Amino acid sequence: MPRHLHLIIAGAGLLFCSTGLLRGQDSLRTVILSERVGPEIDDEEHKRFSLFPQIEGFYKATALRAADGRLFVRFDLIGPGNTTTQKMMPYPEATLLMLAEKINHFEELSDGKYVWGSDRATLTVVGGGSLTWNDLAEQKRTSPGEPKSPPDLLPFWRNDPPEQAGSFPRLSFRAGVSTSSIDVDGITQLITSAEDYFRSQGYSVRTTATELTFGPQTWVSLGLDFSPYLGLTIEAAKVSGGDDIESKTVAASVVYRPPLSGFRTFRPFIGVGVLSTSLSVGHVYPHWDIVSPIDTTGGYYYLSDISIDGKDSKTGGMVTVGIELSDQTVTPFGLQAFIRYLIVPPITVTSSLGETGEVRLAGFILGASLALYF
């Protein structure tokens, strides 16, 4: 084949490829996510709105729409020696719509004053056209087999709208159990002292000091969340130690859930509050528990009942730290585990012999609860 024919064919091929590339570039239309950033997201906007943190060497980014409807983001990157490269990545439409909504309401989201979905964003296609959530819903309706976008593709910090699902204020009801912080050593010492006293007088006394035990403390609470991060909780609790001791507590706490990155289902929280605790102690010895020594006639005499009594209420404070397991986009239920420290003055109890002792209420408790969100 003549040499000049080779050159003609090669030139035609190069022209064809160049035309195809240009046509492909022409078919990509710029998509504006928000008027706050315009057609290009520069490095300053990238940092201000916490956008695309996973992209290293970020310089600028442009959202693009292909002729077939697919969406991409073209990244201009700075590499070693200030070299520049470009990288194209596909992004689901839902992801870019959520990204646009975040840009529009970034300050409100940071302050916990905005609820996802209350002001849906619109993507503007340069040259005409727009993309909305309604368009996405219609696509899913007509293409039910289309796979959903994985949540880990969301390209921004604090990117989990499910943690802010629902409207605020929002109510919740919880029921749970916990250990008890009540220290009954003071009561035990009074009982032991009374028993030892009567034994020293020659009476027969059945040992009962070791029978003081507590069941689990039961809690119920009503919560009011003002935002995804701040709420108020009112609680009531009850615990008893058989027929001898009963304690009731009413508490109110302010609860804060920090907006930490990556915490969608598991969310830590801290609560600080005040409480009022009442304690009722009524340990009574039945007359058959304490009897006189057998006399010379073979008989014996019952001793009068003795008791250990105390009834009082104290106010104090409490600090709670825990973790919450809930995904309210899937179920209205949630689980909570916590550790709490109670700061409460002791309560004084008195025996019928005139001796006094203290019941300490302060201390740590561990608990868990089941929540129902409304």
Protein backbone atom coordinates (compact mmCIF):
# COMPACT_ATOMS: atom_id res chain seq x y z
CA MET A 1 0.00 0.00 0.00
CA PRO A 2 1.45 3.42 -0.88
CA ARG A 3 2.82 5.43 2.03
CA HIS A 4 0.55 8.39 1.40
CA LEU A 5 -2.51 6.08 1.70
CA HIS A 6 -1.32 4.98 5.16
CA LEU A 7 -1.13 8.62 6.21
CA ILE A 8 -4.62 9.36 4.89
CA ILE A 9 -6.14 6.39 6.80
CA ALA A 10 -4.29 7.29 10.02
CA GLY A 11 -5.39 10.90 9.74
CA ALA A 12 -9.01 9.89 9.17
CA GLY A 13 -8.87 7.61 12.19
CA LEU A 14 -7.44 10.37 14.39
CA LEU A 15 -10.08 12.79 13.17
CA PHE A 16 -12.83 10.24 13.89
CA CYS A 17 -11.55 9.60 17.44
CA SER A 18 -11.15 13.30 18.16
CA THR A 19 -14.68 13.99 16.93
CA GLY A 20 -16.02 11.20 19.15
CA LEU A 21 -14.24 12.56 22.20
CA LEU A 22 -15.45 16.07 21.55
CA ARG A 23 -18.96 14.78 21.00
CA GLY A 24 -18.72 12.88 24.32
CA GLN A 25 -17.54 16.01 26.11
CA ASP A 26 -20.30 18.05 24.49
CA SER A 27 -22.89 15.56 25.74
CA LEU A 28 -21.89 16.23 29.38
CA ARG A 29 -23.84 19.16 30.75
CA THR A 30 -22.91 20.96 33.98
CA VAL A 31 -25.24 20.48 36.93
CA ILE A 32 -25.45 23.23 39.57
CA LEU A 33 -26.05 21.72 43.00
CA SER A 34 -26.74 25.03 44.74
CA GLU A 35 -26.52 28.73 44.00
CA ARG A 36 -24.27 28.92 47.06
CA VAL A 37 -21.49 27.12 45.17
CA GLY A 38 -22.31 27.75 41.51
CA PRO A 39 -21.22 25.48 38.64
CA GLU A 40 -17.87 24.63 40.28
CA ILE A 41 -17.07 23.70 43.87
CA ASP A 42 -13.71 25.22 44.76
CA ASP A 43 -11.39 24.28 47.61
CA GLU A 44 -12.76 26.95 49.96
CA GLU A 45 -16.34 25.69 49.48
CA HIS A 46 -15.07 22.13 49.77
CA LYS A 47 -13.78 22.94 53.27
CA ARG A 48 -16.61 25.25 54.36
CA PHE A 49 -19.37 22.73 53.64
CA SER A 50 -17.32 19.59 54.49
CA LEU A 51 -17.71 18.19 50.97
CA PHE A 52 -16.03 15.12 49.50
CA PRO A 53 -13.65 14.45 52.43
CA GLN A 54 -12.58 11.14 50.88
CA ILE A 55 -11.04 12.87 47.84
CA GLU A 56 -7.31 13.51 48.32
CA GLY A 57 -5.63 16.46 46.59
CA PHE A 58 -8.95 18.23 46.01
CA TYR A 59 -8.74 21.41 43.90
CA LYS A 60 -12.22 21.76 42.42
CA ALA A 61 -15.24 19.65 41.45
CA THR A 62 -17.98 19.89 38.83
CA ALA A 63 -21.21 17.86 38.71
CA LEU A 64 -22.08 16.65 35.20
CA ARG A 65 -25.05 14.96 33.48
CA ALA A 66 -24.60 12.64 30.52
CA ALA A 67 -27.01 12.38 27.59
CA ASP A 68 -28.34 9.07 28.98
CA GLY A 69 -29.18 10.72 32.31
CA ARG A 70 -26.28 9.39 34.34
CA LEU A 71 -24.62 11.79 36.79
CA PHE A 72 -20.91 12.21 37.41
CA VAL A 73 -18.60 14.43 39.42
CA ARG A 74 -15.38 15.51 37.75
CA PHE A 75 -12.60 16.21 40.24
CA ASP A 76 -9.56 18.34 39.46
CA LEU A 77 -6.80 17.06 41.72
CA ILE A 78 -3.39 18.38 42.73
CA GLY A 79 -0.70 15.74 43.00
CA PRO A 80 3.00 15.65 43.87
CA GLY A 81 4.97 18.55 42.46
CA ASN A 82 1.74 20.53 41.94
CA THR A 83 0.82 18.33 38.99
CA THR A 84 -2.88 18.36 38.11
CA THR A 85 -5.07 15.46 37.06
CA GLN A 86 -8.76 14.88 36.49
CA LYS A 87 -10.90 12.06 37.83
CA MET A 88 -14.51 11.22 36.91
CA MET A 89 -16.72 9.38 39.41
CA PRO A 90 -20.38 8.35 38.97
CA TYR A 91 -22.80 9.50 41.67
CA PRO A 92 -26.45 8.49 42.24
CA GLU A 93 -28.99 11.24 41.73
CA ALA A 94 -30.26 10.81 45.30
CA THR A 95 -26.76 11.43 46.63
CA LEU A 96 -26.36 14.70 44.74
CA LEU A 97 -29.84 15.85 45.78
CA MET A 98 -28.99 15.20 49.42
CA LEU A 99 -25.64 16.93 48.96
CA ALA A 100 -27.42 19.98 47.51
CA GLU A 101 -29.87 20.04 50.43
CA LYS A 102 -26.96 19.94 52.85
CA ILE A 103 -25.25 22.90 51.15
CA ASN A 104 -28.47 24.94 51.22
CA HIS A 105 -29.03 24.35 54.94
CA PHE A 106 -25.52 23.71 56.21
CA GLU A 107 -25.61 26.21 59.12
CA GLU A 108 -29.04 25.03 60.28
CA LEU A 109 -27.91 21.41 60.14
CA SER A 110 -24.80 22.23 62.16
CA ASP A 111 -26.98 23.86 64.84
CA GLY A 112 -29.51 21.01 64.80
CA LYS A 113 -32.30 23.34 63.64
CA TYR A 114 -33.05 21.72 60.29
CA VAL A 115 -34.93 18.49 59.56
CA TRP A 116 -33.90 16.57 56.47
CA GLY A 117 -36.51 16.67 53.72
CA SER A 118 -38.37 19.76 54.93
CA ASP A 119 -36.99 21.83 52.02
CA ARG A 120 -36.05 19.54 49.13
CA ALA A 121 -33.29 20.74 46.82
CA THR A 122 -33.44 21.04 43.02
CA LEU A 123 -30.47 20.40 40.74
CA THR A 124 -30.21 22.86 37.85
CA VAL A 125 -28.88 21.55 34.54
CA VAL A 126 -27.00 24.25 32.62
CA GLY A 127 -28.60 24.71 29.20
CA GLY A 128 -32.06 23.83 30.45
CA GLY A 129 -33.71 21.32 32.71
CA SER A 130 -33.68 20.37 36.38
CA LEU A 131 -33.64 17.30 38.60
CA THR A 132 -35.84 16.84 41.69
CA TRP A 133 -36.85 14.15 44.16
CA ASN A 134 -40.12 13.80 42.25
CA ASP A 135 -38.17 12.90 39.12
CA LEU A 136 -36.24 10.29 41.12
CA ALA A 137 -39.44 8.81 42.55
CA GLU A 138 -40.91 8.54 39.05
CA GLN A 139 -37.77 6.76 37.81
CA LYS A 140 -37.98 4.24 40.64
CA ARG A 141 -41.68 3.70 39.96
CA THR A 142 -41.06 2.93 36.30
CA SER A 143 -37.87 0.93 37.05
CA PRO A 144 -38.63 -1.04 40.24
CA GLY A 145 -35.65 -3.32 39.71
CA GLU A 146 -33.11 -0.52 39.87
CA PRO A 147 -30.69 -1.11 42.77
CA LYS A 148 -30.67 1.37 45.60
CA SER A 149 -27.66 3.58 46.18
CA PRO A 150 -25.46 2.31 49.01
CA PRO A 151 -25.44 4.79 51.94
CA ASP A 152 -21.64 4.78 52.15
CA LEU A 153 -21.49 6.71 48.86
CA LEU A 154 -22.72 9.88 50.52
CA PRO A 155 -19.77 12.24 50.06
CA PHE A 156 -20.01 14.48 53.09
CA TRP A 157 -19.51 14.54 56.84
CA ARG A 158 -22.55 14.07 59.05
CA ASN A 159 -24.30 12.58 56.05
CA ASP A 160 -26.97 10.39 57.59
CA PRO A 161 -30.46 11.92 57.26
CA PRO A 162 -32.04 8.85 58.99
CA GLU A 163 -30.71 10.10 62.34
CA GLN A 164 -32.88 13.17 61.82
CA ALA A 165 -35.93 11.35 60.49
CA GLY A 166 -39.31 12.58 61.65
CA SER A 167 -40.37 15.99 62.83
CA PHE A 168 -39.53 17.89 65.97
CA PRO A 169 -40.48 18.27 68.75
CA ARG A 170 -40.84 14.48 69.04
CA LEU A 171 -42.09 12.34 71.93
CA SER A 172 -40.70 9.03 73.14
CA PHE A 173 -41.66 6.58 75.86
CA ARG A 174 -39.16 4.27 77.58
CA ALA A 175 -39.42 1.41 80.03
CA GLY A 176 -36.37 -0.27 81.52
CA VAL A 177 -34.58 -1.81 84.46
CA SER A 178 -31.40 -1.00 86.32
CA THR A 179 -29.37 -1.92 89.34
CA SER A 180 -29.88 0.00 92.59
CA SER A 181 -27.43 2.29 94.35
CA ILE A 182 -29.07 1.93 97.79
CA ASP A 183 -26.57 0.81 100.42
CA VAL A 184 -28.37 -0.97 103.25
CA ASP A 185 -25.30 -1.45 105.45
CA GLY A 186 -26.72 1.09 107.91
CA ILE A 187 -29.96 -0.88 108.23
CA THR A 188 -28.09 -4.17 108.54
CA GLN A 189 -25.95 -2.74 111.32
CA LEU A 190 -29.05 -1.58 113.23
CA ILE A 191 -30.68 -4.99 112.88
CA THR A 192 -27.53 -6.80 113.97
CA SER A 193 -27.10 -4.43 116.93
CA ALA A 194 -30.70 -5.02 118.08
CA GLU A 195 -30.35 -8.78 117.75
CA ASP A 196 -27.07 -8.81 119.65
CA TYR A 197 -28.61 -6.70 122.41
CA PHE A 198 -31.46 -9.11 123.02
CA ARG A 199 -29.20 -12.12 122.78
CA SER A 200 -27.05 -10.58 125.52
CA GLN A 201 -30.18 -10.42 127.66
CA GLY A 202 -30.72 -14.14 127.22
CA TYR A 203 -33.45 -14.02 124.59
CA SER A 204 -33.70 -16.22 121.55
CA VAL A 205 -33.59 -14.16 118.35
CA ARG A 206 -33.84 -15.51 114.85
CA THR A 207 -31.17 -13.99 112.54
CA THR A 208 -32.76 -11.80 109.87
CA ALA A 209 -30.04 -9.28 109.00
CA THR A 210 -28.86 -11.24 105.96
CA GLU A 211 -32.37 -11.35 104.43
CA LEU A 212 -32.35 -7.80 103.07
CA THR A 213 -32.15 -8.07 99.27
CA PHE A 214 -33.21 -5.85 96.39
CA GLY A 215 -34.86 -6.71 93.13
CA PRO A 216 -34.14 -4.77 89.93
CA GLN A 217 -35.10 -1.11 89.85
CA THR A 218 -37.81 -0.42 87.27
CA TRP A 219 -37.89 2.83 85.28
CA VAL A 220 -40.42 4.51 83.03
CA SER A 221 -39.74 7.80 81.26
CA LEU A 222 -41.23 10.26 78.83
CA GLY A 223 -38.87 12.07 76.48
CA LEU A 224 -39.28 15.22 74.42
CA ASP A 225 -36.66 15.78 71.70
CA PHE A 226 -36.42 19.39 70.56
CA SER A 227 -33.91 18.51 67.82
CA PRO A 228 -31.81 15.51 66.73
CA TYR A 229 -29.26 16.52 69.36
CA LEU A 230 -31.12 18.00 72.36
CA GLY A 231 -33.98 16.67 74.46
CA LEU A 232 -35.66 16.56 77.87
CA THR A 233 -36.51 13.38 79.80
CA ILE A 234 -38.84 12.92 82.78
CA GLU A 235 -38.36 9.65 84.68
CA ALA A 236 -39.92 7.70 87.53
CA ALA A 237 -38.39 4.65 89.24
CA LYS A 238 -39.22 2.21 92.00
CA VAL A 239 -37.24 -0.47 93.82
CA SER A 240 -38.05 -2.56 96.87
CA GLY A 241 -36.23 -4.86 99.25
CA GLY A 242 -38.95 -7.34 100.15
CA ASP A 243 -41.47 -5.96 102.65
CA ASP A 244 -38.82 -3.93 104.49
CA ILE A 245 -37.61 -1.18 102.15
CA GLU A 246 -39.14 0.76 99.29
CA SER A 247 -37.60 3.62 97.33
CA LYS A 248 -39.21 5.87 94.72
CA THR A 249 -37.44 8.38 92.48
CA VAL A 250 -38.61 11.15 90.18
CA ALA A 251 -36.03 12.79 87.92
CA ALA A 252 -35.69 15.27 85.05
CA SER A 253 -32.69 15.42 82.71
CA VAL A 254 -31.43 17.40 79.75
CA VAL A 255 -30.04 14.94 77.19
CA TYR A 256 -27.45 15.81 74.55
CA ARG A 257 -26.52 13.63 71.56
CA PRO A 258 -23.37 14.95 69.85
CA PRO A 259 -23.52 15.12 66.02
CA LEU A 260 -20.60 12.76 65.48
CA SER A 261 -19.60 11.56 62.03
CA GLY A 262 -20.44 7.94 61.24
CA PHE A 263 -22.97 7.50 64.06
CA ARG A 264 -26.18 6.60 62.29
CA THR A 265 -27.56 3.63 64.21
CA PHE A 266 -25.44 3.76 67.39
CA ARG A 267 -25.50 7.19 69.00
CA PRO A 268 -23.77 8.17 72.25
CA PHE A 269 -25.53 10.53 74.63
CA ILE A 270 -24.98 12.32 77.92
CA GLY A 271 -27.62 13.54 80.37
CA VAL A 272 -27.49 15.87 83.37
CA GLY A 273 -30.43 16.27 85.70
CA VAL A 274 -32.01 16.63 89.12
CA LEU A 275 -33.93 14.06 91.15
CA SER A 276 -35.96 13.53 94.28
CA THR A 277 -35.72 10.18 96.06
CA SER A 278 -37.94 8.95 98.90
CA LEU A 279 -37.08 5.98 101.09
CA SER A 280 -39.35 4.07 103.44
CA VAL A 281 -37.87 1.54 105.88
CA GLY A 282 -40.11 -0.57 108.12
CA HIS A 283 -38.30 -3.65 109.41
CA VAL A 284 -40.55 -5.15 112.11
CA TYR A 285 -39.78 -8.24 114.17
CA PRO A 286 -42.95 -10.32 114.70
CA HIS A 287 -43.45 -11.31 118.33
CA TRP A 288 -42.64 -14.96 117.58
CA ASP A 289 -39.16 -14.03 116.39
CA ILE A 290 -38.02 -12.87 119.83
CA VAL A 291 -38.95 -14.90 122.89
CA SER A 292 -37.82 -14.98 126.48
CA PRO A 293 -35.73 -17.87 127.83
CA ILE A 294 -37.64 -20.90 128.97
CA ASP A 295 -38.50 -20.44 132.68
CA THR A 296 -38.53 -23.08 135.42
CA THR A 297 -42.07 -24.11 134.56
CA GLY A 298 -41.13 -24.91 131.00
CA GLY A 299 -42.98 -21.93 129.55
CA TYR A 300 -41.73 -18.75 127.85
CA TYR A 301 -42.89 -15.22 127.25
CA TYR A 302 -43.08 -13.26 123.99
CA LEU A 303 -41.16 -10.04 123.85
CA SER A 304 -42.85 -6.90 122.54
CA ASP A 305 -42.23 -6.13 118.85
CA ILE A 306 -39.20 -4.06 117.97
CA SER A 307 -38.79 -2.18 114.71
CA ILE A 308 -36.42 -0.13 112.61
CA ASP A 309 -38.16 2.79 110.96
CA GLY A 310 -37.24 5.62 108.63
CA LYS A 311 -39.08 7.63 106.03
CA ASP A 312 -37.64 10.64 104.26
CA SER A 313 -36.98 12.17 100.85
CA LYS A 314 -33.86 13.85 99.50
CA THR A 315 -33.08 15.89 96.41
CA GLY A 316 -29.89 15.62 94.41
CA GLY A 317 -28.44 15.36 90.94
CA MET A 318 -27.41 12.71 88.45
CA VAL A 319 -25.17 12.29 85.43
CA THR A 320 -25.92 9.69 82.75
CA VAL A 321 -23.72 8.44 79.92
CA GLY A 322 -24.89 5.82 77.44
CA ILE A 323 -25.43 4.68 73.90
CA GLU A 324 -28.64 4.45 71.88
CA LEU A 325 -29.41 1.88 69.20
CA SER A 326 -32.15 3.03 66.84
CA ASP A 327 -32.88 3.51 63.16
CA GLN A 328 -36.22 5.28 63.03
CA THR A 329 -36.42 4.94 59.26
CA VAL A 330 -36.88 1.20 59.81
CA THR A 331 -38.70 0.87 63.15
CA PRO A 332 -40.16 3.23 65.79
CA PHE A 333 -38.37 1.26 68.52
CA GLY A 334 -34.93 1.71 70.02
CA LEU A 335 -32.67 0.30 72.71
CA GLN A 336 -30.62 2.21 75.25
CA ALA A 337 -27.84 1.15 77.63
CA PHE A 338 -26.47 3.54 80.22
CA ILE A 339 -24.37 4.06 83.32
CA ARG A 340 -25.56 6.66 85.81
CA TYR A 341 -24.17 8.26 88.94
CA LEU A 342 -26.61 9.54 91.58
CA ILE A 343 -25.59 12.36 93.92
CA VAL A 344 -28.02 12.17 96.87
CA PRO A 345 -27.58 12.79 100.64
CA PRO A 346 -28.13 9.76 102.92
CA ILE A 347 -31.38 9.13 104.81
CA THR A 348 -31.40 8.46 108.57
CA VAL A 349 -33.30 5.52 110.08
CA THR A 350 -33.96 4.81 113.78
CA SER A 351 -34.58 1.61 115.72
CA SER A 352 -37.02 1.30 118.61
CA LEU A 353 -33.95 1.00 120.85
CA GLY A 354 -33.03 4.58 120.00
CA GLU A 355 -30.09 3.79 117.75
CA THR A 356 -29.71 5.55 114.39
CA GLY A 357 -28.08 4.61 111.11
CA GLU A 358 -27.73 5.97 107.60
CA VAL A 359 -28.94 4.57 104.27
CA ARG A 360 -26.69 5.78 101.47
CA LEU A 361 -28.46 6.47 98.18
CA ALA A 362 -25.56 7.86 96.12
CA GLY A 363 -23.63 5.65 93.74
CA PHE A 364 -23.42 4.11 90.28
CA ILE A 365 -26.18 2.15 88.57
CA LEU A 366 -26.25 0.25 85.27
CA GLY A 367 -29.40 0.04 83.20
CA ALA A 368 -31.08 -0.64 79.87
CA SER A 369 -34.39 0.46 78.37
CA LEU A 370 -36.66 -0.04 75.37
CA ALA A 371 -37.90 3.11 73.63
CA LEU A 372 -40.97 3.80 71.51
CA TYR A 373 -40.86 6.93 69.34
CA PHE A 374 -43.97 8.85 68.30
